[in-house]
C-alpha atoms as a PDB file:
ATOM      1  CA  MET A   1      41.203 -40.196  27.859  1.00  0.00           C
ATOM      2  CA  LYS A   2      41.497 -36.993  25.803  1.00  0.00           C
ATOM      3  CA  THR A   3      39.394 -38.612  23.062  1.00  0.00           C
ATOM      4  CA  SER A   4      36.636 -39.485  25.544  1.00  0.00           C
ATOM      5  CA  ILE A   5      36.505 -35.958  26.862  1.00  0.00           C
ATOM      6  CA  ALA A   6      36.462 -34.502  23.365  1.00  0.00           C
ATOM      7  CA  VAL A   7      33.615 -36.837  22.357  1.00  0.00           C
ATOM      8  CA  ALA A   8      31.639 -35.930  25.465  1.00  0.00           C
ATOM      9  CA  LEU A   9      32.102 -32.173  24.872  1.00  0.00           C
ATOM     10  CA  LEU A  10      31.164 -32.521  21.189  1.00  0.00           C
ATOM     11  CA  SER A  11      28.005 -34.434  22.167  1.00  0.00           C
ATOM     12  CA  LEU A  12      26.984 -31.709  24.640  1.00  0.00           C
ATOM     13  CA  ALA A  13      27.566 -29.040  22.017  1.00  0.00           C
ATOM     14  CA  ILE A  14      25.418 -30.866  19.460  1.00  0.00           C
ATOM     15  CA  LEU A  15      22.596 -31.311  22.002  1.00  0.00           C
ATOM     16  CA  SER A  16      22.666 -27.654  22.973  1.00  0.00           C
ATOM     17  CA  LEU A  17      22.547 -26.542  19.341  1.00  0.00           C
ATOM     18  CA  SER A  18      19.677 -28.907  18.475  1.00  0.00           C
ATOM     19  CA  GLY A  19      17.348 -27.085  20.875  1.00  0.00           C
ATOM     20  CA  CYS A  20      16.412 -30.299  22.650  1.00  0.00           C
ATOM     21  CA  SER A  21      12.782 -29.994  21.558  1.00  0.00           C
ATOM     22  CA  LYS A  22      10.499 -32.884  20.948  1.00  0.00           C
ATOM     23  CA  PRO A  23      10.036 -33.535  17.222  1.00  0.00           C
ATOM     24  CA  ASP A  24       6.278 -34.018  17.612  1.00  0.00           C
ATOM     25  CA  GLN A  25       5.858 -30.586  19.213  1.00  0.00           C
ATOM     26  CA  GLU A  26       4.776 -27.804  16.819  1.00  0.00           C
ATOM     27  CA  ALA A  27       5.033 -24.045  17.235  1.00  0.00           C
ATOM     28  CA  PRO A  28       1.806 -22.428  18.421  1.00  0.00           C
ATOM     29  CA  PRO A  29      -0.418 -21.287  15.557  1.00  0.00           C
ATOM     30  CA  ALA A  30      -0.203 -17.664  14.488  1.00  0.00           C
ATOM     31  CA  ALA A  31      -2.978 -15.388  15.661  1.00  0.00           C
ATOM     32  CA  PRO A  32      -5.717 -15.265  12.994  1.00  0.00           C
ATOM     33  CA  LYS A  33      -5.806 -12.110  10.867  1.00  0.00           C
ATOM     34  CA  VAL A  34      -8.607  -9.792  12.017  1.00  0.00           C
ATOM     35  CA  GLU A  35     -10.799  -8.223   9.361  1.00  0.00           C
ATOM     36  CA  VAL A  36     -11.144  -4.490  10.056  1.00  0.00           C
ATOM     37  CA  VAL A  37     -12.953  -2.150   7.683  1.00  0.00           C
ATOM     38  CA  VAL A  38     -12.716   1.674   7.859  1.00  0.00           C
ATOM     39  CA  PRO A  39     -15.445   3.064   5.557  1.00  0.00           C
ATOM     40  CA  LYS A  40     -14.940   6.722   6.617  1.00  0.00           C
ATOM     41  CA  TRP A  41     -12.386   8.787   8.540  1.00  0.00           C
ATOM     42  CA  GLY A  42     -11.274  12.382   8.715  1.00  0.00           C
ATOM     43  CA  PRO A  43     -10.147  14.892   8.346  1.00  0.00           C
ATOM     44  CA  HIS A  44      -7.742  13.905   5.556  1.00  0.00           C
ATOM     45  CA  GLY A  45      -5.444  16.903   5.981  1.00  0.00           C
ATOM     46  CA  THR A  46      -4.665  20.364   7.211  1.00  0.00           C
ATOM     47  CA  LYS A  47      -2.121  23.166   6.677  1.00  0.00           C
ATOM     48  CA  VAL A  48       1.190  23.311   8.568  1.00  0.00           C
ATOM     49  CA  GLY A  49       0.594  24.318  12.181  1.00  0.00           C
ATOM     50  CA  VAL A  50      -3.217  24.471  11.815  1.00  0.00           C
ATOM     51  CA  GLY A  51      -5.182  22.358  14.255  1.00  0.00           C
ATOM     52  CA  PHE A  52      -8.501  20.695  13.510  1.00  0.00           C
ATOM     53  CA  SER A  53     -11.336  19.546  15.816  1.00  0.00           C
ATOM     54  CA  VAL A  54      -9.198  21.052  18.614  1.00  0.00           C
ATOM     55  CA  GLN A  55      -9.799  19.413  21.978  1.00  0.00           C
ATOM     56  CA  SER A  56      -9.498  20.892  25.489  1.00  0.00           C
ATOM     57  CA  THR A  57      -5.958  19.438  25.650  1.00  0.00           C
ATOM     58  CA  GLY A  58      -4.944  21.617  22.692  1.00  0.00           C
ATOM     59  CA  ASN A  59      -4.520  18.485  20.525  1.00  0.00           C
ATOM     60  CA  SER A  60      -6.471  17.945  17.337  1.00  0.00           C
ATOM     61  CA  ALA A  61      -8.799  14.953  16.934  1.00  0.00           C
ATOM     62  CA  ILE A  62      -8.958  12.514  14.031  1.00  0.00           C
ATOM     63  CA  TRP A  63     -12.106  10.407  13.814  1.00  0.00           C
ATOM     64  CA  PHE A  64     -12.981   7.137  12.090  1.00  0.00           C
ATOM     65  CA  GLU A  65     -15.778   4.688  11.519  1.00  0.00           C
ATOM     66  CA  GLN A  66     -14.720   1.049  11.863  1.00  0.00           C
ATOM     67  CA  ARG A  67     -16.034  -2.466  11.860  1.00  0.00           C
ATOM     68  CA  GLY A  68     -14.032  -5.331  13.331  1.00  0.00           C
ATOM     69  CA  ILE A  69     -12.384  -3.823  16.412  1.00  0.00           C
ATOM     70  CA  ARG A  70     -13.981  -5.661  19.302  1.00  0.00           C
ATOM     71  CA  SER A  71     -12.416  -3.799  22.221  1.00  0.00           C
ATOM     72  CA  ALA A  72     -10.640  -0.490  22.770  1.00  0.00           C
ATOM     73  CA  GLU A  73      -7.816  -2.305  24.578  1.00  0.00           C
ATOM     74  CA  SER A  74      -7.009  -4.360  21.461  1.00  0.00           C
ATOM     75  CA  VAL A  75      -6.034  -1.428  19.214  1.00  0.00           C
ATOM     76  CA  GLU A  76      -3.546   1.437  18.966  1.00  0.00           C
ATOM     77  CA  VAL A  77      -3.950   4.372  16.565  1.00  0.00           C
ATOM     78  CA  TRP A  78      -0.747   5.601  14.883  1.00  0.00           C
ATOM     79  CA  PHE A  79       0.094   8.744  12.916  1.00  0.00           C
ATOM     80  CA  ASP A  80       3.255   8.005  10.940  1.00  0.00           C
ATOM     81  CA  ASN A  81       5.717   6.767  13.580  1.00  0.00           C
ATOM     82  CA  THR A  82       3.831   8.132  16.588  1.00  0.00           C
ATOM     83  CA  LYS A  83       1.300   6.220  18.633  1.00  0.00           C
ATOM     84  CA  LEU A  84      -1.593   8.557  19.387  1.00  0.00           C
ATOM     85  CA  GLY A  85      -3.128   9.032  22.803  1.00  0.00           C
ATOM     86  CA  GLY A  86      -6.510  10.359  23.854  1.00  0.00           C
ATOM     87  CA  MET A  87      -8.292   7.467  22.176  1.00  0.00           C
ATOM     88  CA  ALA A  88     -12.026   6.938  22.469  1.00  0.00           C
ATOM     89  CA  ILE A  89     -13.245   3.794  20.661  1.00  0.00           C
ATOM     90  CA  THR A  90     -16.657   2.167  20.512  1.00  0.00           C
ATOM     91  CA  PRO A  91     -16.279  -1.467  19.381  1.00  0.00           C
ATOM     92  CA  ASN A  92     -17.586  -2.129  15.841  1.00  0.00           C
ATOM     93  CA  GLU A  93     -18.692   1.505  15.431  1.00  0.00           C
ATOM     94  CA  GLY A  94     -16.017   4.169  15.483  1.00  0.00           C
ATOM     95  CA  GLY A  95     -13.734   6.305  17.487  1.00  0.00           C
ATOM     96  CA  SER A  96     -11.151   9.054  17.624  1.00  0.00           C
ATOM     97  CA  ALA A  97      -7.638   9.798  18.716  1.00  0.00           C
ATOM     98  CA  GLU A  98      -5.736  13.000  19.547  1.00  0.00           C
ATOM     99  CA  VAL A  99      -3.070  14.348  17.231  1.00  0.00           C
ATOM    100  CA  PRO A 100      -0.522  16.642  18.978  1.00  0.00           C
ATOM    101  CA  LEU A 101       0.182  19.955  17.211  1.00  0.00           C
ATOM    102  CA  ALA A 102       3.884  18.947  17.096  1.00  0.00           C
ATOM    103  CA  LEU A 103       2.956  16.334  14.424  1.00  0.00           C
ATOM    104  CA  LEU A 104       1.507  19.053  12.157  1.00  0.00           C
ATOM    105  CA  THR A 105       4.705  21.053  11.653  1.00  0.00           C
ATOM    106  CA  LYS A 106       6.071  19.561   8.372  1.00  0.00           C
ATOM    107  CA  PRO A 107       4.370  19.347   4.994  1.00  0.00           C
ATOM    108  CA  GLY A 108       3.948  15.826   3.646  1.00  0.00           C
ATOM    109  CA  LYS A 109       1.697  12.799   3.512  1.00  0.00           C
ATOM    110  CA  TYR A 110       1.617  10.703   6.655  1.00  0.00           C
ATOM    111  CA  PRO A 111       0.063   7.231   7.106  1.00  0.00           C
ATOM    112  CA  VAL A 112      -2.661   6.851   9.706  1.00  0.00           C
ATOM    113  CA  TYR A 113      -3.186   3.249  10.798  1.00  0.00           C
ATOM    114  CA  PHE A 114      -4.282   0.848  13.537  1.00  0.00           C
ATOM    115  CA  VAL A 115      -2.000  -1.717  15.211  1.00  0.00           C
ATOM    116  CA  LEU A 116      -4.109  -4.610  16.478  1.00  0.00           C
ATOM    117  CA  LYS A 117      -2.978  -6.326  19.689  1.00  0.00           C
ATOM    118  CA  PRO A 118      -1.602  -8.826  20.468  1.00  0.00           C
ATOM    119  CA  SER A 119      -0.735  -9.813  16.885  1.00  0.00           C
ATOM    120  CA  ASN A 120       0.708  -6.397  15.895  1.00  0.00           C
ATOM    121  CA  GLN A 121      -1.316  -6.550  12.686  1.00  0.00           C
ATOM    122  CA  ARG A 122      -1.316  -3.207  10.875  1.00  0.00           C
ATOM    123  CA  VAL A 123      -4.496  -1.928   9.320  1.00  0.00           C
ATOM    124  CA  ASP A 124      -4.074   1.167   7.147  1.00  0.00           C
ATOM    125  CA  ILE A 125      -6.722   3.885   7.498  1.00  0.00           C
ATOM    126  CA  GLY A 126      -5.337   6.327   4.958  1.00  0.00           C
ATOM    127  CA  LEU A 127      -2.896   9.153   4.287  1.00  0.00           C
ATOM    128  CA  PHE A 128      -3.130  12.497   6.102  1.00  0.00           C
ATOM    129  CA  GLU A 129      -1.736  15.372   4.095  1.00  0.00           C
ATOM    130  CA  ILE A 130      -0.170  18.453   5.634  1.00  0.00           C
ATOM    131  CA  THR A 131       0.179  21.294   3.088  1.00  0.00           C
ATOM    132  CA  PRO A 132       2.344  24.422   3.311  1.00  0.00           C
END
């Protein structure tokens, strides 16, 4: 009797670890990589604490030309580790995003990039340099 119970429990454990998926079922294909080109963007830098293209919100504005982004909802603009707000994007033409003054307080070179949704594909725009 103990052997039968042990065999039954072992069988259940093996089934649960196997995932119980059908062998002929494949994972869904990965989202195709989107080709995005950024021929121009700016500005490429500023001095510590100095705003640029200052907006009514007090934030600065970074602009870019782009080809390949088909809708504003399908993209995020990032400055280093911060997702930027205040975006205005025209599909396959260009756009801008607001950079808060708080991001301009330390000298260094910071990556500016897009994150395309829903694939989370990163598209580098360039490096923004903050000088002392």
